[in-house]
Amino acid sequence: MRVIDTGSGRQAMRRAAVYMGNNLAGILEERGDGFTFTYTQEYRTQQYPDAIPISKTMPVREAPYFQGKLFPFFDNLIPDGTLLATTMKVWRLKKSDRMGLLLACCEDCCGAVSIMRLK
């Protein structure tokens, strides 16, 4: 797994761009101690003054969100049932690899939010 130095003293293991429609809303990062989601400055202020939050549980704000496990909003984007089983088999992912499943399944998911892997 590739580790990315984010300059904050913490290292991101995997990163994803989170889009609201065609607008980059923020960055989701998996770290050794959990997950962070940070809205971009452009989404918060300059370019999108009436920014819609990606979730009612994650209102637009400057401070990053942090949680020890994947945020419920993102976790609920991951399919279940047969589609989950197929994804796990094809991508060789474990059910516990929630970030891997999110990155594999949610580039073009239902709704306004999409997730794009960052390298």
N, C-alpha and C. Protein backbone atom coordinates (compact mmCIF):
# COMPACT_ATOMS: atom_id res chain seq x y z
N MET A 1 0.84 -1.17 0.00
CA MET A 1 0.00 0.00 0.00
C MET A 1 0.89 1.24 0.00
N ARG A 2 0.59 2.18 -0.84
CA ARG A 2 1.37 3.40 -0.95
C ARG A 2 0.98 4.39 0.15
N VAL A 3 1.96 4.97 0.78
CA VAL A 3 1.71 5.96 1.84
C VAL A 3 2.06 7.33 1.29
N ILE A 4 1.22 8.32 1.55
CA ILE A 4 1.38 9.67 1.02
C ILE A 4 1.61 10.63 2.17
N ASP A 5 2.68 11.41 2.11
CA ASP A 5 2.93 12.43 3.13
C ASP A 5 2.09 13.65 2.78
N THR A 6 1.17 14.01 3.67
CA THR A 6 0.26 15.12 3.40
C THR A 6 0.78 16.44 3.95
N GLY A 7 1.93 16.41 4.63
CA GLY A 7 2.50 17.63 5.17
C GLY A 7 1.90 18.01 6.51
N SER A 8 0.96 17.26 7.02
CA SER A 8 0.30 17.59 8.29
C SER A 8 0.87 16.80 9.45
N GLY A 9 1.91 16.02 9.22
CA GLY A 9 2.47 15.18 10.26
C GLY A 9 1.83 13.80 10.27
N ARG A 10 0.71 13.65 9.60
CA ARG A 10 0.04 12.35 9.46
C ARG A 10 0.26 11.89 8.03
N GLN A 11 0.22 10.61 7.84
CA GLN A 11 0.40 10.09 6.49
C GLN A 11 -0.89 9.44 6.01
N ALA A 12 -1.29 9.79 4.80
CA ALA A 12 -2.48 9.20 4.20
C ALA A 12 -2.09 7.93 3.47
N MET A 13 -2.86 6.88 3.67
CA MET A 13 -2.60 5.62 2.99
C MET A 13 -3.29 5.59 1.63
N ARG A 14 -4.52 6.06 1.59
CA ARG A 14 -5.26 6.18 0.33
C ARG A 14 -6.08 7.45 0.39
N ARG A 15 -6.24 8.07 -0.78
CA ARG A 15 -6.96 9.34 -0.86
C ARG A 15 -7.98 9.28 -1.98
N ALA A 16 -9.04 10.05 -1.81
CA ALA A 16 -10.08 10.12 -2.84
C ALA A 16 -10.62 11.54 -2.93
N ALA A 17 -10.88 11.96 -4.15
CA ALA A 17 -11.58 13.22 -4.39
C ALA A 17 -13.07 12.93 -4.30
N VAL A 18 -13.78 13.79 -3.59
CA VAL A 18 -15.23 13.63 -3.43
C VAL A 18 -15.90 14.76 -4.20
N TYR A 19 -16.71 14.39 -5.17
CA TYR A 19 -17.40 15.37 -6.01
C TYR A 19 -18.87 15.44 -5.65
N MET A 20 -19.39 16.66 -5.66
CA MET A 20 -20.82 16.91 -5.55
C MET A 20 -21.23 17.40 -6.92
N GLY A 21 -21.88 16.54 -7.67
CA GLY A 21 -22.12 16.85 -9.08
C GLY A 21 -20.78 16.92 -9.79
N ASN A 22 -20.52 18.01 -10.49
CA ASN A 22 -19.24 18.19 -11.19
C ASN A 22 -18.23 18.99 -10.38
N ASN A 23 -18.58 19.34 -9.15
CA ASN A 23 -17.73 20.19 -8.32
C ASN A 23 -16.94 19.38 -7.30
N LEU A 24 -15.63 19.63 -7.23
CA LEU A 24 -14.81 18.98 -6.22
C LEU A 24 -15.20 19.55 -4.86
N ALA A 25 -15.78 18.70 -4.02
CA ALA A 25 -16.26 19.15 -2.71
C ALA A 25 -15.20 18.99 -1.64
N GLY A 26 -14.42 17.91 -1.71
CA GLY A 26 -13.43 17.68 -0.67
C GLY A 26 -12.56 16.47 -0.93
N ILE A 27 -11.72 16.18 0.07
CA ILE A 27 -10.78 15.07 -0.02
C ILE A 27 -11.02 14.13 1.16
N LEU A 28 -11.18 12.85 0.86
CA LEU A 28 -11.31 11.80 1.86
C LEU A 28 -9.97 11.09 1.94
N GLU A 29 -9.44 10.93 3.15
CA GLU A 29 -8.15 10.27 3.34
C GLU A 29 -8.27 9.15 4.35
N GLU A 30 -7.69 8.02 4.01
CA GLU A 30 -7.56 6.92 4.95
C GLU A 30 -6.18 7.04 5.57
N ARG A 31 -6.12 6.98 6.89
CA ARG A 31 -4.85 7.10 7.62
C ARG A 31 -4.73 5.91 8.56
N GLY A 32 -3.58 5.76 9.14
CA GLY A 32 -3.36 4.66 10.07
C GLY A 32 -4.28 4.71 11.27
N ASP A 33 -4.71 5.92 11.67
CA ASP A 33 -5.54 6.06 12.86
C ASP A 33 -7.01 6.34 12.54
N GLY A 34 -7.40 6.28 11.29
CA GLY A 34 -8.79 6.50 10.92
C GLY A 34 -8.93 7.22 9.60
N PHE A 35 -9.98 8.01 9.47
CA PHE A 35 -10.31 8.68 8.22
C PHE A 35 -10.53 10.17 8.47
N THR A 36 -10.15 10.98 7.49
CA THR A 36 -10.47 12.40 7.52
C THR A 36 -11.20 12.77 6.24
N PHE A 37 -12.09 13.74 6.37
CA PHE A 37 -12.71 14.35 5.21
C PHE A 37 -12.60 15.85 5.39
N THR A 38 -12.10 16.53 4.35
CA THR A 38 -11.92 17.98 4.40
C THR A 38 -12.53 18.59 3.16
N TYR A 39 -13.44 19.54 3.37
CA TYR A 39 -13.99 20.29 2.25
C TYR A 39 -12.89 21.19 1.68
N THR A 40 -12.84 21.32 0.36
CA THR A 40 -11.86 22.22 -0.25
C THR A 40 -12.24 23.67 0.04
N GLN A 41 -11.24 24.52 0.06
CA GLN A 41 -11.49 25.95 0.29
C GLN A 41 -12.38 26.51 -0.82
N GLU A 42 -12.13 26.09 -2.05
CA GLU A 42 -12.93 26.58 -3.17
C GLU A 42 -14.40 26.21 -3.00
N TYR A 43 -14.65 24.98 -2.54
CA TYR A 43 -16.04 24.55 -2.36
C TYR A 43 -16.69 25.32 -1.21
N ARG A 44 -15.92 25.55 -0.15
CA ARG A 44 -16.46 26.25 1.02
C ARG A 44 -16.73 27.72 0.77
N THR A 45 -15.89 28.38 -0.01
CA THR A 45 -15.95 29.84 -0.05
C THR A 45 -16.03 30.43 -1.44
N GLN A 46 -14.97 30.40 -2.17
CA GLN A 46 -14.84 31.19 -3.38
C GLN A 46 -15.77 30.76 -4.51
N GLN A 47 -15.56 29.56 -4.99
CA GLN A 47 -16.22 29.15 -6.22
C GLN A 47 -17.69 28.77 -6.03
N TYR A 48 -18.02 28.23 -4.86
CA TYR A 48 -19.38 27.73 -4.63
C TYR A 48 -19.92 28.32 -3.32
N PRO A 49 -20.32 29.59 -3.32
CA PRO A 49 -20.73 30.23 -2.07
C PRO A 49 -21.94 29.57 -1.41
N ASP A 50 -22.79 28.92 -2.15
CA ASP A 50 -23.95 28.24 -1.59
C ASP A 50 -23.72 26.73 -1.58
N ALA A 51 -22.54 26.33 -1.14
CA ALA A 51 -22.14 24.92 -1.17
C ALA A 51 -23.13 24.04 -0.40
N ILE A 52 -23.53 22.98 -1.03
CA ILE A 52 -24.42 22.00 -0.43
C ILE A 52 -23.55 20.96 0.26
N PRO A 53 -23.83 20.62 1.51
CA PRO A 53 -23.02 19.59 2.17
C PRO A 53 -23.21 18.24 1.48
N ILE A 54 -22.19 17.40 1.53
CA ILE A 54 -22.32 16.07 0.93
C ILE A 54 -23.28 15.22 1.73
N SER A 55 -23.46 15.58 3.01
CA SER A 55 -24.36 14.85 3.90
C SER A 55 -24.85 15.82 4.98
N LYS A 56 -26.07 15.60 5.46
CA LYS A 56 -26.57 16.44 6.55
C LYS A 56 -25.75 16.25 7.81
N THR A 57 -25.08 15.11 7.94
CA THR A 57 -24.24 14.85 9.11
C THR A 57 -22.85 15.43 8.97
N MET A 58 -22.54 16.00 7.80
CA MET A 58 -21.23 16.60 7.55
C MET A 58 -21.40 17.97 6.90
N PRO A 59 -21.92 18.96 7.66
CA PRO A 59 -22.11 20.28 7.09
C PRO A 59 -20.79 20.88 6.60
N VAL A 60 -20.89 21.77 5.64
CA VAL A 60 -19.70 22.43 5.09
C VAL A 60 -19.04 23.25 6.19
N ARG A 61 -17.74 23.01 6.38
CA ARG A 61 -16.97 23.75 7.39
C ARG A 61 -15.50 23.69 7.02
N GLU A 62 -14.72 24.55 7.65
CA GLU A 62 -13.29 24.60 7.37
C GLU A 62 -12.54 23.44 8.03
N ALA A 63 -12.86 23.12 9.26
CA ALA A 63 -12.14 22.08 10.00
C ALA A 63 -12.39 20.70 9.40
N PRO A 64 -11.35 19.88 9.33
CA PRO A 64 -11.53 18.52 8.81
C PRO A 64 -12.41 17.69 9.76
N TYR A 65 -13.10 16.74 9.21
CA TYR A 65 -13.82 15.74 9.99
C TYR A 65 -12.86 14.57 10.21
N PHE A 66 -12.91 13.96 11.37
CA PHE A 66 -12.09 12.78 11.66
C PHE A 66 -12.95 11.72 12.33
N GLN A 67 -12.72 10.47 11.94
CA GLN A 67 -13.40 9.35 12.58
C GLN A 67 -12.51 8.11 12.49
N GLY A 68 -12.57 7.26 13.49
CA GLY A 68 -11.74 6.06 13.53
C GLY A 68 -12.08 5.03 12.48
N LYS A 69 -13.31 5.05 12.01
CA LYS A 69 -13.72 4.15 10.92
C LYS A 69 -14.34 4.99 9.81
N LEU A 70 -14.58 4.38 8.67
CA LEU A 70 -15.13 5.13 7.53
C LEU A 70 -16.45 5.79 7.94
N PHE A 71 -16.60 7.06 7.59
CA PHE A 71 -17.80 7.81 7.92
C PHE A 71 -19.03 7.07 7.40
N PRO A 72 -20.11 7.01 8.19
CA PRO A 72 -21.31 6.29 7.76
C PRO A 72 -21.82 6.73 6.39
N PHE A 73 -21.75 8.03 6.09
CA PHE A 73 -22.22 8.49 4.77
C PHE A 73 -21.50 7.76 3.65
N PHE A 74 -20.17 7.69 3.72
CA PHE A 74 -19.39 7.03 2.68
C PHE A 74 -19.61 5.51 2.70
N ASP A 75 -19.67 4.94 3.90
CA ASP A 75 -19.87 3.50 4.02
C ASP A 75 -21.19 3.07 3.38
N ASN A 76 -22.20 3.93 3.49
CA ASN A 76 -23.51 3.59 2.91
C ASN A 76 -23.56 3.73 1.39
N LEU A 77 -22.53 4.28 0.79
CA LEU A 77 -22.45 4.31 -0.68
C LEU A 77 -22.01 2.95 -1.25
N ILE A 78 -21.37 2.15 -0.42
CA ILE A 78 -20.87 0.83 -0.84
C ILE A 78 -22.06 -0.11 -1.02
N PRO A 79 -22.12 -0.82 -2.15
CA PRO A 79 -23.26 -1.72 -2.37
C PRO A 79 -23.22 -2.90 -1.40
N ASP A 80 -24.34 -3.61 -1.34
CA ASP A 80 -24.37 -4.81 -0.52
C ASP A 80 -24.93 -5.96 -1.35
N GLY A 81 -25.09 -7.10 -0.74
CA GLY A 81 -25.66 -8.25 -1.42
C GLY A 81 -24.77 -8.79 -2.53
N THR A 82 -25.41 -9.15 -3.63
CA THR A 82 -24.71 -9.77 -4.75
C THR A 82 -23.67 -8.84 -5.37
N LEU A 83 -23.99 -7.57 -5.48
CA LEU A 83 -23.04 -6.62 -6.06
C LEU A 83 -21.78 -6.50 -5.19
N LEU A 84 -21.96 -6.50 -3.87
CA LEU A 84 -20.80 -6.47 -2.97
C LEU A 84 -19.97 -7.73 -3.13
N ALA A 85 -20.61 -8.88 -3.17
CA ALA A 85 -19.89 -10.15 -3.32
C ALA A 85 -19.12 -10.18 -4.64
N THR A 86 -19.73 -9.71 -5.71
CA THR A 86 -19.06 -9.66 -7.01
C THR A 86 -17.87 -8.72 -6.97
N THR A 87 -18.05 -7.56 -6.39
CA THR A 87 -16.97 -6.57 -6.28
C THR A 87 -15.80 -7.14 -5.50
N MET A 88 -16.10 -7.78 -4.38
CA MET A 88 -15.04 -8.36 -3.55
C MET A 88 -14.26 -9.42 -4.33
N LYS A 89 -14.96 -10.21 -5.11
CA LYS A 89 -14.31 -11.28 -5.88
C LYS A 89 -13.46 -10.69 -7.01
N VAL A 90 -14.03 -9.79 -7.78
CA VAL A 90 -13.34 -9.22 -8.94
C VAL A 90 -12.12 -8.39 -8.51
N TRP A 91 -12.29 -7.55 -7.49
CA TRP A 91 -11.21 -6.66 -7.04
C TRP A 91 -10.33 -7.29 -5.97
N ARG A 92 -10.69 -8.52 -5.57
CA ARG A 92 -9.95 -9.24 -4.52
C ARG A 92 -9.83 -8.39 -3.25
N LEU A 93 -10.98 -7.91 -2.80
CA LEU A 93 -11.05 -7.07 -1.61
C LEU A 93 -11.78 -7.80 -0.50
N LYS A 94 -11.41 -7.51 0.73
CA LYS A 94 -12.10 -8.06 1.89
C LYS A 94 -13.26 -7.14 2.26
N LYS A 95 -14.27 -7.69 2.88
CA LYS A 95 -15.41 -6.90 3.31
C LYS A 95 -14.99 -5.81 4.29
N SER A 96 -13.93 -6.06 5.03
CA SER A 96 -13.45 -5.09 6.01
C SER A 96 -12.67 -3.93 5.38
N ASP A 97 -12.29 -4.04 4.10
CA ASP A 97 -11.57 -2.97 3.40
C ASP A 97 -12.57 -1.97 2.82
N ARG A 98 -13.15 -1.17 3.70
CA ARG A 98 -14.22 -0.28 3.29
C ARG A 98 -13.73 0.80 2.32
N MET A 99 -12.53 1.32 2.53
CA MET A 99 -12.00 2.34 1.60
C MET A 99 -11.76 1.71 0.23
N GLY A 100 -11.21 0.51 0.19
CA GLY A 100 -10.99 -0.18 -1.08
C GLY A 100 -12.30 -0.41 -1.82
N LEU A 101 -13.32 -0.82 -1.10
CA LEU A 101 -14.63 -1.04 -1.72
C LEU A 101 -15.24 0.27 -2.20
N LEU A 102 -15.08 1.32 -1.41
CA LEU A 102 -15.59 2.63 -1.82
C LEU A 102 -14.91 3.09 -3.11
N LEU A 103 -13.60 2.94 -3.18
CA LEU A 103 -12.86 3.37 -4.37
C LEU A 103 -13.21 2.51 -5.59
N ALA A 104 -13.48 1.23 -5.36
CA ALA A 104 -13.80 0.32 -6.47
C ALA A 104 -15.21 0.55 -7.00
N CYS A 105 -16.14 0.94 -6.15
CA CYS A 105 -17.56 0.95 -6.54
C CYS A 105 -18.19 2.32 -6.76
N CYS A 106 -17.60 3.37 -6.26
CA CYS A 106 -18.36 4.61 -6.14
C CYS A 106 -17.91 5.75 -7.03
N GLU A 107 -17.20 5.43 -8.11
CA GLU A 107 -16.84 6.49 -9.05
C GLU A 107 -18.08 6.99 -9.77
N ASP A 108 -19.01 6.09 -10.01
CA ASP A 108 -20.24 6.46 -10.72
C ASP A 108 -21.42 5.83 -9.99
N CYS A 109 -21.66 6.29 -8.76
CA CYS A 109 -22.75 5.70 -7.98
C CYS A 109 -24.01 6.56 -8.12
N CYS A 110 -25.11 6.05 -7.61
CA CYS A 110 -26.38 6.78 -7.65
C CYS A 110 -26.29 8.05 -6.81
N GLY A 111 -26.94 9.07 -7.25
CA GLY A 111 -26.96 10.32 -6.48
C GLY A 111 -25.95 11.32 -6.99
N ALA A 112 -25.81 12.41 -6.24
CA ALA A 112 -24.98 13.54 -6.68
C ALA A 112 -23.51 13.37 -6.33
N VAL A 113 -23.19 12.47 -5.39
CA VAL A 113 -21.82 12.33 -4.92
C VAL A 113 -21.10 11.22 -5.68
N SER A 114 -19.86 11.50 -6.07
CA SER A 114 -19.03 10.46 -6.68
C SER A 114 -17.63 10.53 -6.06
N ILE A 115 -16.95 9.40 -6.08
CA ILE A 115 -15.66 9.24 -5.43
C ILE A 115 -14.63 8.85 -6.49
N MET A 116 -13.52 9.61 -6.55
CA MET A 116 -12.47 9.33 -7.52
C MET A 116 -11.14 9.11 -6.78
N ARG A 117 -10.50 8.00 -7.06
CA ARG A 117 -9.22 7.69 -6.43
C ARG A 117 -8.17 8.74 -6.79
N LEU A 118 -7.41 9.18 -5.80
CA LEU A 118 -6.28 10.07 -6.03
C LEU A 118 -5.00 9.27 -5.86
N LYS A 119 -4.02 9.57 -6.68
CA LYS A 119 -2.75 8.84 -6.58
C LYS A 119 -1.73 9.65 -5.84
